[in-house]
Protein backbone atom coordinates (compact mmCIF):
# COMPACT_ATOMS: atom_id res chain seq x y z
CA UNK A 1 138.26 -5.75 68.33
CA UNK A 2 134.68 -4.63 69.07
CA UNK A 3 135.14 -5.21 72.79
CA UNK A 4 138.30 -3.09 72.80
CA UNK A 5 136.42 -0.11 71.31
CA UNK A 6 133.66 -0.47 73.92
CA UNK A 7 136.25 -0.62 76.73
CA UNK A 8 138.03 2.48 75.33
CA UNK A 9 134.69 4.34 75.09
CA UNK A 10 133.83 3.35 78.68
CA UNK A 11 137.26 4.48 79.89
CA UNK A 12 136.85 7.82 78.04
CA UNK A 13 133.38 8.26 79.57
CA UNK A 14 134.78 7.48 83.05
CA UNK A 15 137.65 9.96 82.51
CA UNK A 16 135.16 12.63 81.35
CA UNK A 17 132.96 11.96 84.41
CA UNK A 18 136.02 12.20 86.70
CA UNK A 19 137.06 15.49 85.04
CA UNK A 20 133.52 16.87 85.47
CA UNK A 21 133.54 15.82 89.15
CA UNK A 22 136.94 17.48 89.66
CA UNK A 23 135.68 20.68 87.98
CA UNK A 24 132.57 20.64 90.21
CA UNK A 25 134.75 20.14 93.30
CA UNK A 26 137.03 23.02 92.23
CA UNK A 27 133.98 25.28 91.70
CA UNK A 28 132.62 24.33 95.15
CA UNK A 29 136.02 25.07 96.74
CA UNK A 30 136.17 28.45 94.99
CA UNK A 31 132.63 29.29 96.19
CA UNK A 32 133.56 28.28 99.76
CA UNK A 33 136.71 30.44 99.60
CA UNK A 34 134.68 33.40 98.32
CA UNK A 35 132.13 32.91 101.12
CA UNK A 36 134.92 32.75 103.71
CA UNK A 37 136.49 35.94 102.31
CA UNK A 38 133.11 37.70 102.43
CA UNK A 39 132.57 36.54 106.02
CA UNK A 40 136.05 37.78 106.99
CA UNK A 41 135.39 41.17 105.36
CA UNK A 42 131.96 41.49 107.03
CA UNK A 43 133.43 40.42 110.37
CA UNK A 44 136.19 43.00 110.11
CA UNK A 45 133.67 45.70 109.22
CA UNK A 46 131.50 44.70 112.18
CA UNK A 47 134.54 44.70 114.49
CA UNK A 48 135.56 48.14 113.23
CA UNK A 49 132.02 49.44 113.78
CA UNK A 50 131.95 47.98 117.30
CA UNK A 51 135.33 49.57 118.09
CA UNK A 52 134.11 52.95 116.79
CA UNK A 53 130.94 52.67 118.89
CA UNK A 54 132.98 51.80 121.99
CA UNK A 55 135.30 54.77 121.37
CA UNK A 56 132.31 57.09 120.94
CA UNK A 57 130.75 55.79 124.17
CA UNK A 58 134.03 56.29 126.04
CA UNK A 59 134.33 59.84 124.67
CA UNK A 60 130.74 60.62 125.69
CA UNK A 61 131.34 59.26 129.21
CA UNK A 62 134.53 61.33 129.54
CA UNK A 63 132.72 64.45 128.32
CA UNK A 64 129.86 63.87 130.78
CA UNK A 65 132.35 63.46 133.64
CA UNK A 66 134.19 66.66 132.66
CA UNK A 67 130.95 68.63 132.28
CA UNK A 68 129.63 67.37 135.62
CA UNK A 69 132.84 68.34 137.43
CA UNK A 70 132.89 71.79 135.85
CA UNK A 71 129.18 72.24 136.55
CA UNK A 72 129.76 71.47 140.22
CA UNK A 73 132.60 74.02 140.37
CA UNK A 74 130.51 76.67 138.62
CA UNK A 75 127.49 75.97 140.84
CA UNK A 76 129.63 76.46 143.93
CA UNK A 77 130.61 79.90 142.63
CA UNK A 78 126.96 80.97 142.19
CA UNK A 79 125.34 82.16 145.43
CA UNK A 80 122.29 80.29 146.61
CA UNK A 81 121.23 76.68 146.70
CA UNK A 82 121.35 74.82 143.37
CA UNK A 83 120.75 71.22 142.51
CA UNK A 84 122.29 69.49 139.51
CA UNK A 85 119.17 67.31 139.26
CA UNK A 86 116.86 70.32 139.03
CA UNK A 87 119.12 71.96 136.44
CA UNK A 88 119.17 68.79 134.34
CA UNK A 89 115.40 68.50 134.62
CA UNK A 90 114.98 72.12 133.56
CA UNK A 91 117.34 71.62 130.62
CA UNK A 92 115.49 68.50 129.44
CA UNK A 93 112.06 70.12 129.81
CA UNK A 94 113.27 73.25 128.01
CA UNK A 95 114.74 71.19 125.18
CA UNK A 96 111.55 69.16 124.82
CA UNK A 97 109.52 72.39 124.76
CA UNK A 98 111.71 73.81 121.99
CA UNK A 99 111.50 70.57 119.96
CA UNK A 100 107.70 70.49 120.40
CA UNK A 101 107.42 74.09 119.13
CA UNK A 102 109.64 73.36 116.13
CA UNK A 103 107.70 70.22 115.22
CA UNK A 104 104.37 72.05 115.51
CA UNK A 105 105.58 74.76 113.13
CA UNK A 106 106.58 72.20 110.50
CA UNK A 107 103.34 70.21 110.74
């Protein structure tokens, strides 16, 4: 009779240990699923950001091409010799001069 009670207690302890192991495994699986979902969401966000950046770059390239073509047409209409390079250099230097003046006023 005493041995039967010890065997039943051991079986109950083994069943409790198995249940605890199953619960731990379920928790680990849930954590892994949550991590996978987070990775998928982050990956989608990164892909969307990359697509937006690519679209913006394409738009900027198209705008530069259009502006360059129109600039060439307009330069041909103006009498005299004009260089796109010198105009771009003048525009950049003028812009940097304006930015320098603005930053000096704020400082």
